[in-house]
Every structure is written in structure tokens, then in C-alpha cells.
Amino acid sequence: MEPSVDITELYAAHRLSLVRLAVLLVDDVASAEDVVQDAFAALARRPDAVRDPSKALAYLRVSVVNTARSSLRRRRTARAYAPPHDLSPPTPEDSAVLAEEHREVIAALQQLAPRQREVLVLRYWSNLSEAEIARTLDISQGTVKSTASRALVALEKAMHAYVGQRAGGEGS
């Protein structure tokens, strides 16, 4: 039976935007690429999971969010059993994906609660509607609205703190 979804076409058209989404959720390019690859692999294993080809991107988006969550859970568990290691400085590849003007926002975004980060990333990065976010995260539209509101307040505070720390550190 011929798959109803052209995975190759989806991959070519949406891989980069899904990697960017995942980077904002898991905070590094290598993990983000793994998350997206896992989402596409899962769809390839079960092409009948999406009967309507127009819903394939939404399926992949949900898969990326869920896989990112799992990745972060595994990372937390691993860190609980091993001392944290120093992260190496960003590679040139990391720098290409994360443009300089977005570094402060990304640093502040990483300080948010996971659900808040997910809602903001899906809303402002992926340009999803409240209804689409609610379906993607399996929460109500009201929860999307209240979470986004609280997340924006928290993000603003985190941005001010991050910019203040950086300004204080540069003068030392």
C-alpha cells in the first residue's frame, strides 16, 4: 500500500523549521536534530498514523514537542546520577542556527517552566493559533491563554535579569 503522506517532501519542506522549534525546546542543536529525526522516523514507521496528508505537519509538530519533553526528562534523570558537566562553547554551526540577536531571548526562554516555554515557542515561533497549540499540547484554549500571559510576564522578568547580569559582568 502506498503511504498517504510523502515523507520525503515533508522532510525537505519542514525539517529546518521543526529543528528550530526543537532547539527552542531542548536548547542545543544536536538534541534538536535528534528530536526531529525521531519524529520523522516514527512517521516513516507508521505512515498510516496520518490519514489526512494535510494534518501531517501538525502530527510532526506534536511529535517534536512530545519527543523534546522525553529528551528533557531523560536529560534530567541522567544529570541526577552524574555530576553536571561544563557545556562547551557554541560551535560555528550552533551560531548559525542561533543568530546573535536571539541569544538573550533564548537564554531567558530557557528559564521558563517547560509548559510556558512550549506555549510561547508554538505561538510566536511557529505562529500557531491558540486552538492549534491547545491540540498540540492537549490542553484547553483557556490554559493556552493563561499560560501565555504568565509566560510573557516571566520572560520579560528573565530578560531584564539576563541583560542586567550581562551588563554587570562586562564591566568587571
N, C-alpha and C. Protein backbone atom coordinates (compact mmCIF):
# COMPACT_ATOMS: atom_id res chain seq x y z
N MET A 1 0.84 -1.18 0.00
CA MET A 1 0.00 0.00 0.00
C MET A 1 0.88 1.25 0.00
N GLU A 2 0.58 2.18 -0.84
CA GLU A 2 1.32 3.44 -0.97
C GLU A 2 1.01 4.34 0.23
N PRO A 3 2.03 4.89 0.92
CA PRO A 3 1.75 5.79 2.04
C PRO A 3 0.99 7.03 1.57
N SER A 4 0.06 7.49 2.42
CA SER A 4 -0.74 8.65 2.04
C SER A 4 0.03 9.96 2.23
N VAL A 5 1.13 9.91 2.95
CA VAL A 5 1.92 11.10 3.23
C VAL A 5 3.28 10.95 2.55
N ASP A 6 3.70 11.96 1.82
CA ASP A 6 5.02 11.94 1.19
C ASP A 6 6.04 12.48 2.20
N ILE A 7 6.68 11.55 2.91
CA ILE A 7 7.60 11.92 3.99
C ILE A 7 8.81 12.67 3.45
N THR A 8 9.29 12.28 2.28
CA THR A 8 10.45 12.96 1.69
C THR A 8 10.13 14.43 1.43
N GLU A 9 8.96 14.68 0.89
CA GLU A 9 8.55 16.05 0.62
C GLU A 9 8.37 16.84 1.92
N LEU A 10 7.74 16.22 2.91
CA LEU A 10 7.58 16.86 4.22
C LEU A 10 8.94 17.20 4.83
N TYR A 11 9.85 16.26 4.75
CA TYR A 11 11.19 16.45 5.31
C TYR A 11 11.88 17.64 4.65
N ALA A 12 11.85 17.67 3.34
CA ALA A 12 12.50 18.76 2.61
C ALA A 12 11.87 20.11 2.93
N ALA A 13 10.58 20.14 3.07
CA ALA A 13 9.87 21.41 3.27
C ALA A 13 9.89 21.90 4.72
N HIS A 14 9.94 20.99 5.69
CA HIS A 14 9.69 21.42 7.07
C HIS A 14 10.77 21.03 8.08
N ARG A 15 11.79 20.30 7.68
CA ARG A 15 12.81 19.86 8.64
C ARG A 15 13.44 21.03 9.37
N LEU A 16 13.86 22.05 8.64
CA LEU A 16 14.56 23.16 9.27
C LEU A 16 13.68 23.90 10.28
N SER A 17 12.42 24.15 9.93
CA SER A 17 11.53 24.85 10.88
C SER A 17 11.27 23.98 12.11
N LEU A 18 11.18 22.66 11.93
CA LEU A 18 10.98 21.77 13.07
C LEU A 18 12.25 21.70 13.94
N VAL A 19 13.42 21.75 13.32
CA VAL A 19 14.67 21.78 14.10
C VAL A 19 14.73 23.07 14.91
N ARG A 20 14.36 24.17 14.30
CA ARG A 20 14.37 25.45 15.03
C ARG A 20 13.40 25.40 16.21
N LEU A 21 12.22 24.82 15.99
CA LEU A 21 11.26 24.65 17.08
C LEU A 21 11.89 23.81 18.18
N ALA A 22 12.49 22.69 17.82
CA ALA A 22 13.08 21.80 18.81
C ALA A 22 14.24 22.45 19.56
N VAL A 23 15.05 23.27 18.87
CA VAL A 23 16.16 23.96 19.53
C VAL A 23 15.64 24.82 20.67
N LEU A 24 14.53 25.47 20.45
CA LEU A 24 13.98 26.33 21.49
C LEU A 24 13.42 25.52 22.66
N LEU A 25 13.10 24.27 22.42
CA LEU A 25 12.56 23.43 23.49
C LEU A 25 13.65 22.65 24.23
N VAL A 26 14.71 22.22 23.52
CA VAL A 26 15.73 21.39 24.16
C VAL A 26 17.07 22.09 24.32
N ASP A 27 17.26 23.25 23.77
CA ASP A 27 18.39 24.16 23.97
C ASP A 27 19.73 23.79 23.32
N ASP A 28 19.78 22.77 22.48
CA ASP A 28 21.01 22.56 21.72
C ASP A 28 20.68 21.91 20.38
N VAL A 29 21.49 22.22 19.39
CA VAL A 29 21.22 21.83 18.00
C VAL A 29 21.25 20.32 17.83
N ALA A 30 22.24 19.66 18.41
CA ALA A 30 22.36 18.21 18.22
C ALA A 30 21.14 17.48 18.74
N SER A 31 20.69 17.83 19.95
CA SER A 31 19.49 17.20 20.51
C SER A 31 18.26 17.54 19.68
N ALA A 32 18.18 18.78 19.21
CA ALA A 32 17.04 19.20 18.40
C ALA A 32 16.98 18.39 17.10
N GLU A 33 18.13 18.20 16.47
CA GLU A 33 18.15 17.41 15.24
C GLU A 33 17.73 15.97 15.51
N ASP A 34 18.17 15.42 16.65
CA ASP A 34 17.76 14.06 17.02
C ASP A 34 16.25 13.98 17.24
N VAL A 35 15.70 14.98 17.91
CA VAL A 35 14.26 15.02 18.17
C VAL A 35 13.48 15.01 16.85
N VAL A 36 13.89 15.85 15.92
CA VAL A 36 13.19 15.94 14.63
C VAL A 36 13.37 14.64 13.85
N GLN A 37 14.57 14.10 13.86
CA GLN A 37 14.81 12.84 13.16
C GLN A 37 13.92 11.74 13.73
N ASP A 38 13.80 11.69 15.05
CA ASP A 38 12.93 10.69 15.68
C ASP A 38 11.47 10.87 15.27
N ALA A 39 11.04 12.12 15.15
CA ALA A 39 9.65 12.38 14.74
C ALA A 39 9.41 11.88 13.32
N PHE A 40 10.33 12.16 12.41
CA PHE A 40 10.19 11.69 11.04
C PHE A 40 10.30 10.17 10.96
N ALA A 41 11.18 9.59 11.75
CA ALA A 41 11.34 8.13 11.75
C ALA A 41 10.06 7.46 12.24
N ALA A 42 9.44 8.04 13.27
CA ALA A 42 8.20 7.47 13.78
C ALA A 42 7.10 7.53 12.71
N LEU A 43 7.04 8.63 11.98
CA LEU A 43 6.05 8.75 10.91
C LEU A 43 6.36 7.76 9.78
N ALA A 44 7.63 7.56 9.49
CA ALA A 44 8.01 6.62 8.43
C ALA A 44 7.65 5.17 8.81
N ARG A 45 7.79 4.86 10.11
CA ARG A 45 7.45 3.51 10.58
C ARG A 45 5.95 3.26 10.51
N ARG A 46 5.17 4.33 10.69
CA ARG A 46 3.71 4.20 10.71
C ARG A 46 3.09 5.25 9.80
N PRO A 47 3.27 5.16 8.50
CA PRO A 47 2.72 6.17 7.60
C PRO A 47 1.20 6.27 7.65
N ASP A 48 0.54 5.21 8.11
CA ASP A 48 -0.92 5.23 8.24
C ASP A 48 -1.38 5.98 9.48
N ALA A 49 -0.44 6.45 10.32
CA ALA A 49 -0.79 7.21 11.53
C ALA A 49 -1.48 8.52 11.16
N VAL A 50 -1.18 9.02 9.97
CA VAL A 50 -1.79 10.27 9.49
C VAL A 50 -2.56 9.93 8.22
N ARG A 51 -3.86 9.87 8.34
CA ARG A 51 -4.69 9.51 7.18
C ARG A 51 -4.86 10.70 6.23
N ASP A 52 -4.92 11.89 6.80
CA ASP A 52 -5.11 13.10 6.01
C ASP A 52 -3.76 13.79 5.85
N PRO A 53 -3.20 13.80 4.63
CA PRO A 53 -1.87 14.41 4.42
C PRO A 53 -1.79 15.87 4.88
N SER A 54 -2.91 16.58 4.89
CA SER A 54 -2.88 17.97 5.33
C SER A 54 -2.61 18.10 6.83
N LYS A 55 -2.74 17.00 7.56
CA LYS A 55 -2.51 17.03 9.01
C LYS A 55 -1.14 16.48 9.39
N ALA A 56 -0.33 16.14 8.40
CA ALA A 56 0.97 15.54 8.68
C ALA A 56 1.90 16.49 9.42
N LEU A 57 1.92 17.77 9.04
CA LEU A 57 2.79 18.72 9.72
C LEU A 57 2.36 18.89 11.18
N ALA A 58 1.08 18.96 11.43
CA ALA A 58 0.59 19.06 12.81
C ALA A 58 1.01 17.83 13.61
N TYR A 59 0.91 16.65 12.99
CA TYR A 59 1.34 15.41 13.63
C TYR A 59 2.82 15.48 13.99
N LEU A 60 3.64 15.95 13.05
CA LEU A 60 5.07 16.06 13.30
C LEU A 60 5.37 17.07 14.40
N ARG A 61 4.63 18.18 14.42
CA ARG A 61 4.83 19.20 15.45
C ARG A 61 4.54 18.62 16.83
N VAL A 62 3.44 17.88 16.95
CA VAL A 62 3.09 17.24 18.23
C VAL A 62 4.19 16.25 18.60
N SER A 63 4.65 15.49 17.63
CA SER A 63 5.71 14.51 17.87
C SER A 63 6.99 15.18 18.34
N VAL A 64 7.35 16.32 17.74
CA VAL A 64 8.56 17.05 18.14
C VAL A 64 8.41 17.55 19.58
N VAL A 65 7.27 18.13 19.92
CA VAL A 65 7.07 18.62 21.29
C VAL A 65 7.16 17.47 22.28
N ASN A 66 6.48 16.35 21.99
CA ASN A 66 6.50 15.21 22.90
C ASN A 66 7.88 14.59 23.01
N THR A 67 8.58 14.47 21.90
CA THR A 67 9.93 13.91 21.92
C THR A 67 10.90 14.84 22.66
N ALA A 68 10.71 16.15 22.50
CA ALA A 68 11.54 17.11 23.24
C ALA A 68 11.31 16.96 24.74
N ARG A 69 10.06 16.79 25.13
CA ARG A 69 9.77 16.57 26.55
C ARG A 69 10.47 15.33 27.06
N SER A 70 10.38 14.25 26.30
CA SER A 70 11.03 13.00 26.70
C SER A 70 12.53 13.17 26.80
N SER A 71 13.10 13.89 25.85
CA SER A 71 14.54 14.15 25.85
C SER A 71 14.95 14.91 27.11
N LEU A 72 14.16 15.92 27.45
CA LEU A 72 14.48 16.71 28.65
C LEU A 72 14.32 15.86 29.92
N ARG A 73 13.33 14.98 29.96
CA ARG A 73 13.15 14.09 31.11
C ARG A 73 14.36 13.16 31.24
N ARG A 74 14.79 12.58 30.12
CA ARG A 74 15.96 11.69 30.16
C ARG A 74 17.20 12.46 30.61
N ARG A 75 17.33 13.68 30.12
CA ARG A 75 18.49 14.51 30.50
C ARG A 75 18.47 14.80 32.00
N ARG A 76 17.28 15.15 32.54
CA ARG A 76 17.17 15.42 33.97
C ARG A 76 17.54 14.18 34.78
N THR A 77 17.06 13.02 34.33
CA THR A 77 17.35 11.78 35.04
C THR A 77 18.85 11.49 35.01
N ALA A 78 19.45 11.66 33.84
CA ALA A 78 20.89 11.40 33.72
C ALA A 78 21.69 12.34 34.60
N ARG A 79 21.29 13.59 34.66
CA ARG A 79 22.02 14.57 35.49
C ARG A 79 21.86 14.29 36.97
N ALA A 80 20.77 13.65 37.35
CA ALA A 80 20.56 13.31 38.75
C ALA A 80 21.57 12.26 39.21
N TYR A 81 22.09 11.44 38.29
CA TYR A 81 23.01 10.36 38.64
C TYR A 81 24.46 10.67 38.30
N ALA A 82 24.70 11.75 37.59
CA ALA A 82 26.07 12.12 37.24
C ALA A 82 26.26 13.60 37.50
N PRO A 83 27.46 13.99 37.91
CA PRO A 83 27.68 15.41 38.13
C PRO A 83 27.53 16.17 36.81
N PRO A 84 26.95 17.37 36.88
CA PRO A 84 26.79 18.14 35.64
C PRO A 84 28.14 18.47 35.04
N HIS A 85 28.20 18.44 33.73
CA HIS A 85 29.45 18.76 33.06
C HIS A 85 29.36 20.16 32.46
N ASP A 86 30.52 20.75 32.29
CA ASP A 86 30.55 22.08 31.69
C ASP A 86 30.19 21.96 30.22
N LEU A 87 29.32 22.83 29.77
CA LEU A 87 28.97 22.83 28.36
C LEU A 87 30.08 23.52 27.58
N SER A 88 30.41 22.94 26.46
CA SER A 88 31.43 23.56 25.62
C SER A 88 30.85 24.80 24.95
N PRO A 89 31.71 25.72 24.54
CA PRO A 89 31.20 26.92 23.87
C PRO A 89 30.49 26.54 22.58
N PRO A 90 29.57 27.39 22.13
CA PRO A 90 28.83 27.07 20.92
C PRO A 90 29.77 26.92 19.72
N THR A 91 29.43 25.95 18.88
CA THR A 91 30.21 25.73 17.66
C THR A 91 29.76 26.73 16.61
N PRO A 92 30.53 26.89 15.54
CA PRO A 92 30.08 27.77 14.46
C PRO A 92 28.70 27.37 13.92
N GLU A 93 28.45 26.05 13.91
CA GLU A 93 27.13 25.57 13.45
C GLU A 93 26.02 26.05 14.38
N ASP A 94 26.27 25.96 15.70
CA ASP A 94 25.30 26.46 16.67
C ASP A 94 25.03 27.94 16.43
N SER A 95 26.10 28.69 16.18
CA SER A 95 25.98 30.13 15.97
C SER A 95 25.15 30.44 14.74
N ALA A 96 25.26 29.61 13.73
CA ALA A 96 24.47 29.84 12.50
C ALA A 96 22.99 29.64 12.78
N VAL A 97 22.66 28.63 13.59
CA VAL A 97 21.26 28.35 13.88
C VAL A 97 20.68 29.39 14.84
N LEU A 98 21.47 29.78 15.82
CA LEU A 98 21.01 30.72 16.82
C LEU A 98 21.66 32.08 16.57
N ALA A 99 21.02 32.90 15.80
CA ALA A 99 21.57 34.21 15.45
C ALA A 99 21.81 35.04 16.71
N GLU A 100 22.82 35.86 16.65
CA GLU A 100 23.25 36.65 17.80
C GLU A 100 22.11 37.44 18.44
N GLU A 101 21.27 38.05 17.61
CA GLU A 101 20.21 38.89 18.19
C GLU A 101 19.17 38.10 18.96
N HIS A 102 19.19 36.77 18.86
CA HIS A 102 18.21 35.96 19.58
C HIS A 102 18.78 35.31 20.84
N ARG A 103 20.05 35.44 21.08
CA ARG A 103 20.67 34.75 22.21
C ARG A 103 20.07 35.15 23.56
N GLU A 104 19.83 36.43 23.77
CA GLU A 104 19.27 36.87 25.04
C GLU A 104 17.87 36.32 25.25
N VAL A 105 17.08 36.32 24.19
CA VAL A 105 15.72 35.78 24.29
C VAL A 105 15.78 34.29 24.60
N ILE A 106 16.66 33.58 23.93
CA ILE A 106 16.76 32.14 24.15
C ILE A 106 17.24 31.84 25.56
N ALA A 107 18.18 32.60 26.05
CA ALA A 107 18.66 32.41 27.42
C ALA A 107 17.53 32.64 28.42
N ALA A 108 16.75 33.67 28.20
CA ALA A 108 15.62 33.96 29.09
C ALA A 108 14.54 32.89 28.93
N LEU A 109 14.31 32.44 27.72
CA LEU A 109 13.31 31.42 27.44
C LEU A 109 13.63 30.12 28.18
N GLN A 110 14.91 29.79 28.30
CA GLN A 110 15.31 28.56 28.97
C GLN A 110 15.02 28.61 30.47
N GLN A 111 14.79 29.80 31.02
CA GLN A 111 14.49 29.93 32.44
C GLN A 111 13.01 29.70 32.75
N LEU A 112 12.17 29.66 31.72
CA LEU A 112 10.74 29.46 31.93
C LEU A 112 10.43 28.00 32.25
N ALA A 113 9.27 27.79 32.84
CA ALA A 113 8.77 26.43 33.05
C ALA A 113 8.56 25.79 31.68
N PRO A 114 8.73 24.48 31.57
CA PRO A 114 8.60 23.82 30.26
C PRO A 114 7.29 24.13 29.53
N ARG A 115 6.16 24.10 30.22
CA ARG A 115 4.87 24.35 29.56
C ARG A 115 4.82 25.79 29.04
N GLN A 116 5.32 26.74 29.84
CA GLN A 116 5.34 28.13 29.39
C GLN A 116 6.20 28.28 28.15
N ARG A 117 7.37 27.64 28.16
CA ARG A 117 8.27 27.71 27.01
C ARG A 117 7.60 27.10 25.77
N GLU A 118 6.95 25.97 25.94
CA GLU A 118 6.27 25.31 24.82
C GLU A 118 5.20 26.21 24.22
N VAL A 119 4.38 26.82 25.07
CA VAL A 119 3.30 27.68 24.58
C VAL A 119 3.88 28.87 23.82
N LEU A 120 4.88 29.53 24.38
CA LEU A 120 5.45 30.70 23.70
C LEU A 120 6.13 30.32 22.39
N VAL A 121 6.86 29.23 22.38
CA VAL A 121 7.55 28.81 21.16
C VAL A 121 6.53 28.46 20.07
N LEU A 122 5.51 27.72 20.44
CA LEU A 122 4.49 27.35 19.44
C LEU A 122 3.72 28.57 18.96
N ARG A 123 3.48 29.53 19.85
CA ARG A 123 2.71 30.72 19.46
C ARG A 123 3.54 31.69 18.63
N TYR A 124 4.70 32.07 19.12
CA TYR A 124 5.44 33.15 18.49
C TYR A 124 6.52 32.68 17.52
N TRP A 125 6.98 31.45 17.65
CA TRP A 125 7.96 30.95 16.70
C TRP A 125 7.27 30.21 15.57
N SER A 126 6.36 29.32 15.94
CA SER A 126 5.67 28.51 14.93
C SER A 126 4.39 29.15 14.42
N ASN A 127 4.02 30.29 15.01
CA ASN A 127 2.82 31.03 14.59
C ASN A 127 1.54 30.18 14.62
N LEU A 128 1.41 29.35 15.64
CA LEU A 128 0.19 28.55 15.76
C LEU A 128 -0.88 29.36 16.47
N SER A 129 -2.12 29.07 16.15
CA SER A 129 -3.24 29.71 16.84
C SER A 129 -3.40 29.07 18.22
N GLU A 130 -4.20 29.70 19.06
CA GLU A 130 -4.46 29.13 20.38
C GLU A 130 -5.07 27.75 20.26
N ALA A 131 -5.98 27.58 19.30
CA ALA A 131 -6.62 26.27 19.10
C ALA A 131 -5.59 25.21 18.69
N GLU A 132 -4.68 25.58 17.80
CA GLU A 132 -3.65 24.63 17.35
C GLU A 132 -2.70 24.28 18.50
N ILE A 133 -2.36 25.26 19.31
CA ILE A 133 -1.49 25.00 20.46
C ILE A 133 -2.21 24.07 21.44
N ALA A 134 -3.48 24.34 21.69
CA ALA A 134 -4.26 23.51 22.61
C ALA A 134 -4.27 22.05 22.12
N ARG A 135 -4.48 21.85 20.82
CA ARG A 135 -4.47 20.48 20.28
C ARG A 135 -3.08 19.86 20.37
N THR A 136 -2.05 20.64 20.06
CA THR A 136 -0.69 20.12 20.08
C THR A 136 -0.27 19.69 21.48
N LEU A 137 -0.61 20.48 22.49
CA LEU A 137 -0.20 20.20 23.86
C LEU A 137 -1.26 19.44 24.66
N ASP A 138 -2.41 19.20 24.04
CA ASP A 138 -3.53 18.50 24.69
C ASP A 138 -3.96 19.22 25.97
N ILE A 139 -4.18 20.54 25.82
CA ILE A 139 -4.69 21.37 26.92
C ILE A 139 -5.82 22.22 26.36
N SER A 140 -6.55 22.90 27.23
CA SER A 140 -7.65 23.75 26.78
C SER A 140 -7.13 25.08 26.23
N GLN A 141 -7.97 25.75 25.44
CA GLN A 141 -7.58 27.06 24.92
C GLN A 141 -7.42 28.06 26.06
N GLY A 142 -8.22 27.95 27.08
CA GLY A 142 -8.10 28.82 28.24
C GLY A 142 -6.75 28.66 28.92
N THR A 143 -6.29 27.42 29.01
CA THR A 143 -4.98 27.16 29.60
C THR A 143 -3.88 27.74 28.73
N VAL A 144 -4.06 27.66 27.41
CA VAL A 144 -3.09 28.26 26.50
C VAL A 144 -3.01 29.76 26.76
N LYS A 145 -4.17 30.42 26.86
CA LYS A 145 -4.19 31.87 27.07
C LYS A 145 -3.54 32.26 28.40
N SER A 146 -3.92 31.59 29.47
CA SER A 146 -3.38 31.96 30.78
C SER A 146 -1.90 31.62 30.87
N THR A 147 -1.49 30.50 30.29
CA THR A 147 -0.08 30.13 30.31
C THR A 147 0.75 31.13 29.51
N ALA A 148 0.24 31.53 28.35
CA ALA A 148 0.96 32.50 27.52
C ALA A 148 1.10 33.83 28.25
N SER A 149 0.04 34.26 28.90
CA SER A 149 0.07 35.52 29.63
C SER A 149 1.12 35.48 30.74
N ARG A 150 1.09 34.42 31.55
CA ARG A 150 2.06 34.29 32.64
C ARG A 150 3.48 34.13 32.09
N ALA A 151 3.60 33.41 30.99
CA ALA A 151 4.92 33.18 30.40
C ALA A 151 5.54 34.47 29.88
N LEU A 152 4.73 35.34 29.29
CA LEU A 152 5.26 36.61 28.78
C LEU A 152 5.75 37.49 29.92
N VAL A 153 5.03 37.50 31.04
CA VAL A 153 5.47 38.27 32.21
C VAL A 153 6.78 37.69 32.73
N ALA A 154 6.84 36.36 32.85
CA ALA A 154 8.06 35.71 33.34
C ALA A 154 9.23 35.92 32.38
N LEU A 155 8.95 35.89 31.08
CA LEU A 155 10.01 36.09 30.08
C LEU A 155 10.57 37.50 30.17
N GLU A 156 9.69 38.48 30.36
CA GLU A 156 10.15 39.86 30.49
C GLU A 156 11.06 40.01 31.71
N LYS A 157 10.66 39.42 32.83
CA LYS A 157 11.49 39.48 34.03
C LYS A 157 12.83 38.78 33.81
N ALA A 158 12.79 37.63 33.16
CA ALA A 158 14.03 36.88 32.89
C ALA A 158 14.93 37.66 31.95
N MET A 159 14.35 38.33 30.96
CA MET A 159 15.14 39.13 30.02
C MET A 159 15.84 40.27 30.77
N HIS A 160 15.11 40.95 31.63
CA HIS A 160 15.71 42.05 32.39
C HIS A 160 16.83 41.52 33.28
N ALA A 161 16.62 40.38 33.92
CA ALA A 161 17.65 39.80 34.78
C ALA A 161 18.86 39.39 33.96
N TYR A 162 18.64 38.76 32.81
CA TYR A 162 19.74 38.30 31.97
C TYR A 162 20.54 39.48 31.43
N VAL A 163 19.85 40.48 30.93
CA VAL A 163 20.54 41.68 30.40
C VAL A 163 21.29 42.39 31.52
N GLY A 164 20.68 42.45 32.70
CA GLY A 164 21.34 43.08 33.84
C GLY A 164 22.59 42.33 34.26
N GLN A 165 22.54 40.98 34.28
CA GLN A 165 23.71 40.18 34.63
C GLN A 165 24.83 40.39 33.61
N ARG A 166 24.44 40.40 32.35
CA ARG A 166 25.44 40.55 31.28
C ARG A 166 26.10 41.92 31.38
N ALA A 167 25.30 42.96 31.61
CA ALA A 167 25.85 44.31 31.71
C ALA A 167 26.78 44.42 32.91
N GLY A 168 26.40 43.79 34.02
CA GLY A 168 27.24 43.80 35.21
C GLY A 168 28.52 43.02 35.02
N GLY A 169 28.44 41.91 34.26
CA GLY A 169 29.60 41.07 34.00
C GLY A 169 30.59 41.71 33.06
N GLU A 170 30.12 42.54 32.14
CA GLU A 170 31.02 43.16 31.17
C GLU A 170 31.89 44.23 31.81
N GLY A 171 31.38 44.85 32.87
CA GLY A 171 32.14 45.92 33.50
C GLY A 171 33.19 45.40 34.45
N SER A 172 33.13 44.12 34.81
CA SER A 172 34.07 43.53 35.78
C SER A 172 35.41 43.30 35.18
